[in-house]
Amino acid sequence: MGGPLSSPIPLTEGNLNATRSTRATRSPISQADSDRSQRMLGLARLEEQRVRTLPRKWEGRPGPPLELRAIRRANPGRTLGGQQVGKAAIAGWREVILPALRDEAIDAAVWPFDGSLEELLSTRSIVLCETYPADAYSYLGVDLTLPRTRKRASKRDQSTRARQASTLLAWAQEAKVERSADLLVEIRDGFGKHPDGEDRFDAVVGLFGMLEVVAGGRAAGNPASREVNDVEGWVLGQACEAEICPS
């Protein structure tokens, strides 16, 4: 675990919605910014169409290396095929990200397309990034295996999520992250018995993973590859191959 934050971070609605920087203004969005946003949305659609054309034998398995994003090669456990988040990601780009990038009053940037995480946090009001909560399990210490059999338990099960309470709370204490009373109840209760409990669990794990990176406990994984920076993007905190993210 990396070094703790210098002061507690209250988990309030305001600071969960955006990471604020020291600079409050920015230059008007240029035509190049708008064109780039449209290009990235188009590439997301093409990626979805390409995945649909892959042979069915690749669904749910690591696909052929030349057909996949570099991030998939870095994390082969990520799946392909139906019931994935591709459509939701495209909707997010169209309905949330593109309008934010076009609104100069919002002062939003997208990592890593617009620069390194350190640069963006110091110069922009809102930094948008891709996260993958399951990747954060490993560096937060979340272990979904059953204590006796060591078989993987389902995070859909409330008791499985509740067993992670001590791990998550220990991380928050070490990182000096201030927890609200409601959040403490949620974590200890395993985020309830309703079907959306696993989503709330992953939302908190993903948030803690982002804070671990921002606090300096884990490298952001700023890619050096031009193709990754300009076209593909990356997952915050995801380790990657030396040729993509050289040390």
C-alpha atoms as a PDB file:
ATOM      1  CA  MET A   1       0.000   0.000   0.000  1.00  0.00           C
ATOM      2  CA  GLY A   2       1.237   3.442  -0.822  1.00  0.00           C
ATOM      3  CA  GLY A   3       1.715   6.370   1.474  1.00  0.00           C
ATOM      4  CA  PRO A   4      -1.408   7.877   3.076  1.00  0.00           C
ATOM      5  CA  LEU A   5      -2.913  11.174   2.150  1.00  0.00           C
ATOM      6  CA  SER A   6      -1.679  14.199   4.050  1.00  0.00           C
ATOM      7  CA  SER A   7      -5.197  15.083   5.213  1.00  0.00           C
ATOM      8  CA  PRO A   8      -8.565  13.294   5.418  1.00  0.00           C
ATOM      9  CA  ILE A   9     -10.751  13.297   2.303  1.00  0.00           C
ATOM     10  CA  PRO A  10     -14.455  13.509   3.203  1.00  0.00           C
ATOM     11  CA  LEU A  11     -16.565  11.366   0.874  1.00  0.00           C
ATOM     12  CA  THR A  12     -19.197  13.964   0.106  1.00  0.00           C
ATOM     13  CA  GLU A  13     -21.425  14.262  -2.947  1.00  0.00           C
ATOM     14  CA  GLY A  14     -19.448  17.238  -4.161  1.00  0.00           C
ATOM     15  CA  ASN A  15     -15.991  15.702  -4.235  1.00  0.00           C
ATOM     16  CA  LEU A  16     -17.231  12.390  -5.607  1.00  0.00           C
ATOM     17  CA  ASN A  17     -18.636  14.141  -8.674  1.00  0.00           C
ATOM     18  CA  ALA A  18     -15.399  15.790  -9.786  1.00  0.00           C
ATOM     19  CA  THR A  19     -11.751  16.273  -9.017  1.00  0.00           C
ATOM     20  CA  ARG A  20     -11.179  20.021  -8.660  1.00  0.00           C
ATOM     21  CA  SER A  21      -7.899  21.643  -9.622  1.00  0.00           C
ATOM     22  CA  THR A  22      -6.272  24.923  -8.750  1.00  0.00           C
ATOM     23  CA  ARG A  23      -7.096  26.519 -12.086  1.00  0.00           C
ATOM     24  CA  ALA A  24     -10.654  27.746 -12.584  1.00  0.00           C
ATOM     25  CA  THR A  25     -10.542  28.914 -16.198  1.00  0.00           C
ATOM     26  CA  ARG A  26      -9.575  27.482 -19.547  1.00  0.00           C
ATOM     27  CA  SER A  27      -9.463  28.607 -23.126  1.00  0.00           C
ATOM     28  CA  PRO A  28     -12.581  28.073 -25.272  1.00  0.00           C
ATOM     29  CA  ILE A  29     -12.951  24.604 -26.757  1.00  0.00           C
ATOM     30  CA  SER A  30     -11.434  24.552 -30.220  1.00  0.00           C
ATOM     31  CA  GLN A  31     -12.764  22.880 -33.338  1.00  0.00           C
ATOM     32  CA  ALA A  32      -9.911  20.386 -32.982  1.00  0.00           C
ATOM     33  CA  ASP A  33     -11.216  19.375 -29.531  1.00  0.00           C
ATOM     34  CA  SER A  34     -14.683  18.829 -30.957  1.00  0.00           C
ATOM     35  CA  ASP A  35     -13.333  16.863 -33.912  1.00  0.00           C
ATOM     36  CA  ARG A  36     -11.243  14.703 -31.588  1.00  0.00           C
ATOM     37  CA  SER A  37     -14.264  13.930 -29.413  1.00  0.00           C
ATOM     38  CA  GLN A  38     -16.303  12.908 -32.426  1.00  0.00           C
ATOM     39  CA  ARG A  39     -13.428  10.741 -33.666  1.00  0.00           C
ATOM     40  CA  MET A  40     -13.157   8.917 -30.325  1.00  0.00           C
ATOM     41  CA  LEU A  41     -16.905   8.285 -30.274  1.00  0.00           C
ATOM     42  CA  GLY A  42     -16.677   6.893 -33.802  1.00  0.00           C
ATOM     43  CA  LEU A  43     -13.810   4.619 -32.780  1.00  0.00           C
ATOM     44  CA  ALA A  44     -15.848   3.333 -29.840  1.00  0.00           C
ATOM     45  CA  ARG A  45     -18.635   2.402 -32.225  1.00  0.00           C
ATOM     46  CA  LEU A  46     -16.213   0.689 -34.590  1.00  0.00           C
ATOM     47  CA  GLU A  47     -14.751  -1.283 -31.661  1.00  0.00           C
ATOM     48  CA  GLU A  48     -18.206  -2.500 -30.706  1.00  0.00           C
ATOM     49  CA  GLN A  49     -18.923  -3.554 -34.303  1.00  0.00           C
ATOM     50  CA  ARG A  50     -15.582  -5.366 -34.557  1.00  0.00           C
ATOM     51  CA  VAL A  51     -16.195  -7.306 -31.346  1.00  0.00           C
ATOM     52  CA  ARG A  52     -19.574  -8.369 -32.729  1.00  0.00           C
ATOM     53  CA  THR A  53     -17.825  -9.921 -35.752  1.00  0.00           C
ATOM     54  CA  LEU A  54     -15.328 -12.002 -33.731  1.00  0.00           C
ATOM     55  CA  PRO A  55     -15.923 -15.776 -33.833  1.00  0.00           C
ATOM     56  CA  ARG A  56     -18.182 -16.992 -31.040  1.00  0.00           C
ATOM     57  CA  LYS A  57     -15.348 -19.134 -29.666  1.00  0.00           C
ATOM     58  CA  TRP A  58     -13.688 -15.913 -28.437  1.00  0.00           C
ATOM     59  CA  GLU A  59     -16.674 -14.714 -26.439  1.00  0.00           C
ATOM     60  CA  GLY A  60     -15.854 -14.667 -22.747  1.00  0.00           C
ATOM     61  CA  ARG A  61     -12.218 -15.637 -23.368  1.00  0.00           C
ATOM     62  CA  PRO A  62      -8.975 -13.810 -24.063  1.00  0.00           C
ATOM     63  CA  GLY A  63      -9.155 -13.076 -27.780  1.00  0.00           C
ATOM     64  CA  PRO A  64      -6.473 -13.185 -30.474  1.00  0.00           C
ATOM     65  CA  PRO A  65      -3.815 -10.594 -29.488  1.00  0.00           C
ATOM     66  CA  LEU A  66      -3.830  -8.703 -32.794  1.00  0.00           C
ATOM     67  CA  GLU A  67      -7.591  -8.239 -32.643  1.00  0.00           C
ATOM     68  CA  LEU A  68      -7.778  -6.704 -29.174  1.00  0.00           C
ATOM     69  CA  ARG A  69      -7.015  -3.437 -27.439  1.00  0.00           C
ATOM     70  CA  ALA A  70      -3.679  -3.289 -25.645  1.00  0.00           C
ATOM     71  CA  ILE A  71      -5.565  -2.947 -22.371  1.00  0.00           C
ATOM     72  CA  ARG A  72      -7.165  -6.335 -22.998  1.00  0.00           C
ATOM     73  CA  ARG A  73      -3.752  -7.888 -23.510  1.00  0.00           C
ATOM     74  CA  ALA A  74      -2.617  -6.296 -20.245  1.00  0.00           C
ATOM     75  CA  ASN A  75      -5.672  -7.713 -18.470  1.00  0.00           C
ATOM     76  CA  PRO A  76      -6.808 -10.870 -20.347  1.00  0.00           C
ATOM     77  CA  GLY A  77      -9.482 -11.618 -17.740  1.00  0.00           C
ATOM     78  CA  ARG A  78     -11.724  -8.963 -19.243  1.00  0.00           C
ATOM     79  CA  THR A  79     -14.410 -10.543 -21.368  1.00  0.00           C
ATOM     80  CA  LEU A  80     -15.874 -10.087 -24.825  1.00  0.00           C
ATOM     81  CA  GLY A  81     -19.319 -10.670 -26.244  1.00  0.00           C
ATOM     82  CA  GLY A  82     -22.795 -10.017 -24.901  1.00  0.00           C
ATOM     83  CA  GLN A  83     -23.710  -8.473 -21.555  1.00  0.00           C
ATOM     84  CA  GLN A  84     -20.639  -6.220 -21.515  1.00  0.00           C
ATOM     85  CA  VAL A  85     -20.512  -2.464 -21.062  1.00  0.00           C
ATOM     86  CA  GLY A  86     -19.841  -1.393 -24.652  1.00  0.00           C
ATOM     87  CA  LYS A  87     -23.289   0.082 -25.270  1.00  0.00           C
ATOM     88  CA  ALA A  88     -23.318   1.830 -21.917  1.00  0.00           C
ATOM     89  CA  ALA A  89     -19.877   3.302 -22.648  1.00  0.00           C
ATOM     90  CA  ILE A  90     -21.069   4.668 -25.989  1.00  0.00           C
ATOM     91  CA  ALA A  91     -24.142   6.171 -24.308  1.00  0.00           C
ATOM     92  CA  GLY A  92     -21.856   7.723 -21.702  1.00  0.00           C
ATOM     93  CA  TRP A  93     -19.713   9.329 -24.388  1.00  0.00           C
ATOM     94  CA  ARG A  94     -22.716  10.659 -26.273  1.00  0.00           C
ATOM     95  CA  GLU A  95     -24.857  11.843 -23.361  1.00  0.00           C
ATOM     96  CA  VAL A  96     -22.317  12.847 -20.686  1.00  0.00           C
ATOM     97  CA  ILE A  97     -18.732  13.201 -21.896  1.00  0.00           C
ATOM     98  CA  LEU A  98     -19.195  14.961 -25.242  1.00  0.00           C
ATOM     99  CA  PRO A  99     -21.559  17.611 -23.800  1.00  0.00           C
ATOM    100  CA  ALA A 100     -19.079  18.193 -20.949  1.00  0.00           C
ATOM    101  CA  LEU A 101     -16.158  18.617 -23.333  1.00  0.00           C
ATOM    102  CA  ARG A 102     -18.127  21.113 -25.409  1.00  0.00           C
ATOM    103  CA  ASP A 103     -19.100  23.224 -22.392  1.00  0.00           C
ATOM    104  CA  GLU A 104     -16.144  25.492 -21.587  1.00  0.00           C
ATOM    105  CA  ALA A 105     -17.655  26.374 -18.209  1.00  0.00           C
ATOM    106  CA  ILE A 106     -17.233  22.755 -17.062  1.00  0.00           C
ATOM    107  CA  ASP A 107     -13.483  22.678 -17.843  1.00  0.00           C
ATOM    108  CA  ALA A 108     -13.307  18.903 -18.342  1.00  0.00           C
ATOM    109  CA  ALA A 109     -10.450  16.824 -19.739  1.00  0.00           C
ATOM    110  CA  VAL A 110     -10.140  13.122 -20.588  1.00  0.00           C
ATOM    111  CA  TRP A 111      -7.172  11.076 -19.346  1.00  0.00           C
ATOM    112  CA  PRO A 112      -4.922   9.980 -21.011  1.00  0.00           C
ATOM    113  CA  PHE A 113      -5.992  11.680 -24.273  1.00  0.00           C
ATOM    114  CA  ASP A 114      -5.428  15.210 -22.937  1.00  0.00           C
ATOM    115  CA  GLY A 115      -2.207  14.612 -20.979  1.00  0.00           C
ATOM    116  CA  SER A 116      -0.718  12.812 -17.992  1.00  0.00           C
ATOM    117  CA  LEU A 117      -2.802  12.469 -14.845  1.00  0.00           C
ATOM    118  CA  GLU A 118      -0.450  14.726 -12.889  1.00  0.00           C
ATOM    119  CA  GLU A 119      -0.712  17.476 -15.495  1.00  0.00           C
ATOM    120  CA  LEU A 120      -4.496  17.276 -15.759  1.00  0.00           C
ATOM    121  CA  LEU A 121      -5.099  17.249 -11.997  1.00  0.00           C
ATOM    122  CA  SER A 122      -3.070  20.431 -11.653  1.00  0.00           C
ATOM    123  CA  THR A 123      -4.601  22.328 -14.564  1.00  0.00           C
ATOM    124  CA  ARG A 124      -8.200  21.196 -15.072  1.00  0.00           C
ATOM    125  CA  SER A 125     -11.355  21.269 -12.968  1.00  0.00           C
ATOM    126  CA  ILE A 126     -12.698  17.828 -13.919  1.00  0.00           C
ATOM    127  CA  VAL A 127     -10.689  14.828 -15.079  1.00  0.00           C
ATOM    128  CA  LEU A 128     -12.603  11.960 -16.697  1.00  0.00           C
ATOM    129  CA  CYS A 129     -11.023   8.512 -16.867  1.00  0.00           C
ATOM    130  CA  GLU A 130     -11.856   4.858 -17.406  1.00  0.00           C
ATOM    131  CA  THR A 131     -11.797   2.621 -14.338  1.00  0.00           C
ATOM    132  CA  TYR A 132     -12.179  -1.114 -13.815  1.00  0.00           C
ATOM    133  CA  PRO A 133     -13.172  -2.010 -10.222  1.00  0.00           C
ATOM    134  CA  ALA A 134     -12.206  -5.674 -10.601  1.00  0.00           C
ATOM    135  CA  ASP A 135      -8.646  -4.557 -11.349  1.00  0.00           C
ATOM    136  CA  ALA A 136      -8.611  -2.575  -8.105  1.00  0.00           C
ATOM    137  CA  TYR A 137      -9.435  -5.728  -6.110  1.00  0.00           C
ATOM    138  CA  SER A 138      -5.824  -6.869  -6.276  1.00  0.00           C
ATOM    139  CA  TYR A 139      -4.171  -3.703  -5.006  1.00  0.00           C
ATOM    140  CA  LEU A 140      -6.838  -2.942  -2.387  1.00  0.00           C
ATOM    141  CA  GLY A 141      -6.625  -6.487  -1.027  1.00  0.00           C
ATOM    142  CA  VAL A 142     -10.187  -7.519  -1.894  1.00  0.00           C
ATOM    143  CA  ASP A 143     -10.392 -11.327  -1.966  1.00  0.00           C
ATOM    144  CA  LEU A 144     -13.634 -12.947  -3.123  1.00  0.00           C
ATOM    145  CA  THR A 145     -12.515 -16.524  -2.547  1.00  0.00           C
ATOM    146  CA  LEU A 146     -14.160 -18.638   0.131  1.00  0.00           C
ATOM    147  CA  PRO A 147     -11.981 -19.034   3.273  1.00  0.00           C
ATOM    148  CA  ARG A 148     -12.005 -22.853   3.413  1.00  0.00           C
ATOM    149  CA  THR A 149     -12.365 -24.066  -0.158  1.00  0.00           C
ATOM    150  CA  ARG A 150     -10.524 -21.126  -1.796  1.00  0.00           C
ATOM    151  CA  LYS A 151     -13.117 -21.258  -4.552  1.00  0.00           C
ATOM    152  CA  ARG A 152     -14.230 -17.911  -5.916  1.00  0.00           C
ATOM    153  CA  ALA A 153     -17.472 -16.719  -4.389  1.00  0.00           C
ATOM    154  CA  SER A 154     -19.989 -14.566  -6.206  1.00  0.00           C
ATOM    155  CA  LYS A 155     -19.981 -10.858  -5.426  1.00  0.00           C
ATOM    156  CA  ARG A 156     -23.733 -11.004  -6.028  1.00  0.00           C
ATOM    157  CA  ASP A 157     -23.944 -12.651  -2.610  1.00  0.00           C
ATOM    158  CA  GLN A 158     -24.338 -10.167   0.242  1.00  0.00           C
ATOM    159  CA  SER A 159     -22.248 -12.252   2.653  1.00  0.00           C
ATOM    160  CA  THR A 160     -19.368 -12.319   0.152  1.00  0.00           C
ATOM    161  CA  ARG A 161     -19.391  -8.526  -0.019  1.00  0.00           C
ATOM    162  CA  ALA A 162     -19.728  -8.214   3.759  1.00  0.00           C
ATOM    163  CA  ARG A 163     -16.564 -10.296   4.243  1.00  0.00           C
ATOM    164  CA  GLN A 164     -14.628  -7.526   2.487  1.00  0.00           C
ATOM    165  CA  ALA A 165     -15.662  -4.915   5.066  1.00  0.00           C
ATOM    166  CA  SER A 166     -12.548  -5.210   7.232  1.00  0.00           C
ATOM    167  CA  THR A 167     -10.288  -4.972   4.167  1.00  0.00           C
ATOM    168  CA  LEU A 168     -12.018  -1.896   2.743  1.00  0.00           C
ATOM    169  CA  LEU A 169     -12.215  -0.120   6.089  1.00  0.00           C
ATOM    170  CA  ALA A 170      -8.564  -0.887   6.859  1.00  0.00           C
ATOM    171  CA  TRP A 171      -7.555   0.629   3.518  1.00  0.00           C
ATOM    172  CA  ALA A 172      -9.666   3.735   4.169  1.00  0.00           C
ATOM    173  CA  GLN A 173      -8.136   4.192   7.619  1.00  0.00           C
ATOM    174  CA  GLU A 174      -4.566   3.840   6.325  1.00  0.00           C
ATOM    175  CA  ALA A 175      -5.279   6.253   3.475  1.00  0.00           C
ATOM    176  CA  LYS A 176      -6.941   8.690   5.901  1.00  0.00           C
ATOM    177  CA  VAL A 177     -10.175   8.706   3.937  1.00  0.00           C
ATOM    178  CA  GLU A 178     -13.028   9.981   6.047  1.00  0.00           C
ATOM    179  CA  ARG A 179     -16.073   7.684   5.927  1.00  0.00           C
ATOM    180  CA  SER A 180     -19.640   8.850   6.438  1.00  0.00           C
ATOM    181  CA  ALA A 181     -21.873   6.949   8.856  1.00  0.00           C
ATOM    182  CA  ASP A 182     -24.061   5.772   5.965  1.00  0.00           C
ATOM    183  CA  LEU A 183     -21.058   4.434   4.068  1.00  0.00           C
ATOM    184  CA  LEU A 184     -19.832   2.523   7.130  1.00  0.00           C
ATOM    185  CA  VAL A 185     -23.224   0.864   7.458  1.00  0.00           C
ATOM    186  CA  GLU A 186     -23.267  -0.027   3.753  1.00  0.00           C
ATOM    187  CA  ILE A 187     -19.791  -1.556   3.787  1.00  0.00           C
ATOM    188  CA  ARG A 188     -20.355  -3.603   6.952  1.00  0.00           C
ATOM    189  CA  ASP A 189     -23.750  -4.783   5.703  1.00  0.00           C
ATOM    190  CA  GLY A 190     -22.372  -5.926   2.367  1.00  0.00           C
ATOM    191  CA  PHE A 191     -24.366  -3.241   0.533  1.00  0.00           C
ATOM    192  CA  GLY A 192     -27.710  -4.855   1.223  1.00  0.00           C
ATOM    193  CA  LYS A 193     -29.606  -7.807  -0.154  1.00  0.00           C
ATOM    194  CA  HIS A 194     -31.020  -6.126  -3.240  1.00  0.00           C
ATOM    195  CA  PRO A 195     -29.652  -7.004  -6.717  1.00  0.00           C
ATOM    196  CA  ASP A 196     -27.953  -3.620  -7.092  1.00  0.00           C
ATOM    197  CA  GLY A 197     -25.754  -4.335  -4.060  1.00  0.00           C
ATOM    198  CA  GLU A 198     -22.941  -5.638  -6.265  1.00  0.00           C
ATOM    199  CA  ASP A 199     -23.025  -2.414  -8.281  1.00  0.00           C
ATOM    200  CA  ARG A 200     -22.753  -0.266  -5.150  1.00  0.00           C
ATOM    201  CA  PHE A 201     -19.938  -2.497  -3.912  1.00  0.00           C
ATOM    202  CA  ASP A 202     -18.014  -2.049  -7.156  1.00  0.00           C
ATOM    203  CA  ALA A 203     -18.686   1.705  -7.121  1.00  0.00           C
ATOM    204  CA  VAL A 204     -16.992   2.030  -3.724  1.00  0.00           C
ATOM    205  CA  VAL A 205     -14.120  -0.280  -4.697  1.00  0.00           C
ATOM    206  CA  GLY A 206     -13.634   1.716  -7.890  1.00  0.00           C
ATOM    207  CA  LEU A 207     -13.651   4.980  -5.947  1.00  0.00           C
ATOM    208  CA  PHE A 208     -11.095   3.671  -3.437  1.00  0.00           C
ATOM    209  CA  GLY A 209      -8.961   2.500  -6.350  1.00  0.00           C
ATOM    210  CA  MET A 210      -9.034   5.992  -7.871  1.00  0.00           C
ATOM    211  CA  LEU A 211      -8.111   7.567  -4.537  1.00  0.00           C
ATOM    212  CA  GLU A 212      -5.206   5.141  -4.199  1.00  0.00           C
ATOM    213  CA  VAL A 213      -3.851   6.387  -7.529  1.00  0.00           C
ATOM    214  CA  VAL A 214      -4.496  10.076  -6.856  1.00  0.00           C
ATOM    215  CA  ALA A 215      -2.858   9.766  -3.427  1.00  0.00           C
ATOM    216  CA  GLY A 216       0.287   8.342  -5.010  1.00  0.00           C
ATOM    217  CA  GLY A 217      -0.075   4.819  -3.663  1.00  0.00           C
ATOM    218  CA  ARG A 218      -0.247   3.366  -7.160  1.00  0.00           C
ATOM    219  CA  ALA A 219       0.999   4.590 -10.519  1.00  0.00           C
ATOM    220  CA  ALA A 220      -1.660   5.936 -12.859  1.00  0.00           C
ATOM    221  CA  GLY A 221      -0.210   3.946 -15.750  1.00  0.00           C
ATOM    222  CA  ASN A 222       0.311   6.935 -18.045  1.00  0.00           C
ATOM    223  CA  PRO A 223       0.856   5.266 -21.442  1.00  0.00           C
ATOM    224  CA  ALA A 224       3.815   6.369 -23.552  1.00  0.00           C
ATOM    225  CA  SER A 225       2.449   4.733 -26.699  1.00  0.00           C
ATOM    226  CA  ARG A 226       1.078   7.333 -29.102  1.00  0.00           C
ATOM    227  CA  GLU A 227      -1.565   4.910 -30.361  1.00  0.00           C
ATOM    228  CA  VAL A 228      -2.815   4.253 -26.828  1.00  0.00           C
ATOM    229  CA  ASN A 229      -2.779   7.935 -25.870  1.00  0.00           C
ATOM    230  CA  ASP A 230      -4.409   9.201 -29.062  1.00  0.00           C
ATOM    231  CA  VAL A 231      -6.864   6.436 -29.908  1.00  0.00           C
ATOM    232  CA  GLU A 232      -7.325   3.640 -27.399  1.00  0.00           C
ATOM    233  CA  GLY A 233      -7.053   5.197 -23.969  1.00  0.00           C
ATOM    234  CA  TRP A 234      -6.233   3.318 -20.787  1.00  0.00           C
ATOM    235  CA  VAL A 235      -7.657   2.171 -17.446  1.00  0.00           C
ATOM    236  CA  LEU A 236      -6.574   4.244 -14.450  1.00  0.00           C
ATOM    237  CA  GLY A 237      -4.143   2.298 -12.268  1.00  0.00           C
ATOM    238  CA  GLN A 238      -3.807  -0.582 -14.733  1.00  0.00           C
ATOM    239  CA  ALA A 239      -0.270  -1.891 -15.006  1.00  0.00           C
ATOM    240  CA  CYS A 240       0.881  -2.344 -18.572  1.00  0.00           C
ATOM    241  CA  GLU A 241       3.632  -3.715 -20.772  1.00  0.00           C
ATOM    242  CA  ALA A 242       6.995  -1.949 -20.819  1.00  0.00           C
ATOM    243  CA  GLU A 243       6.651  -0.838 -24.438  1.00  0.00           C
ATOM    244  CA  ILE A 244       3.329   0.862 -23.631  1.00  0.00           C
ATOM    245  CA  CYS A 245       4.116   2.267 -20.177  1.00  0.00           C
ATOM    246  CA  PRO A 246       7.910   2.266 -19.793  1.00  0.00           C
ATOM    247  CA  SER A 247       9.263   2.850 -16.318  1.00  0.00           C
END
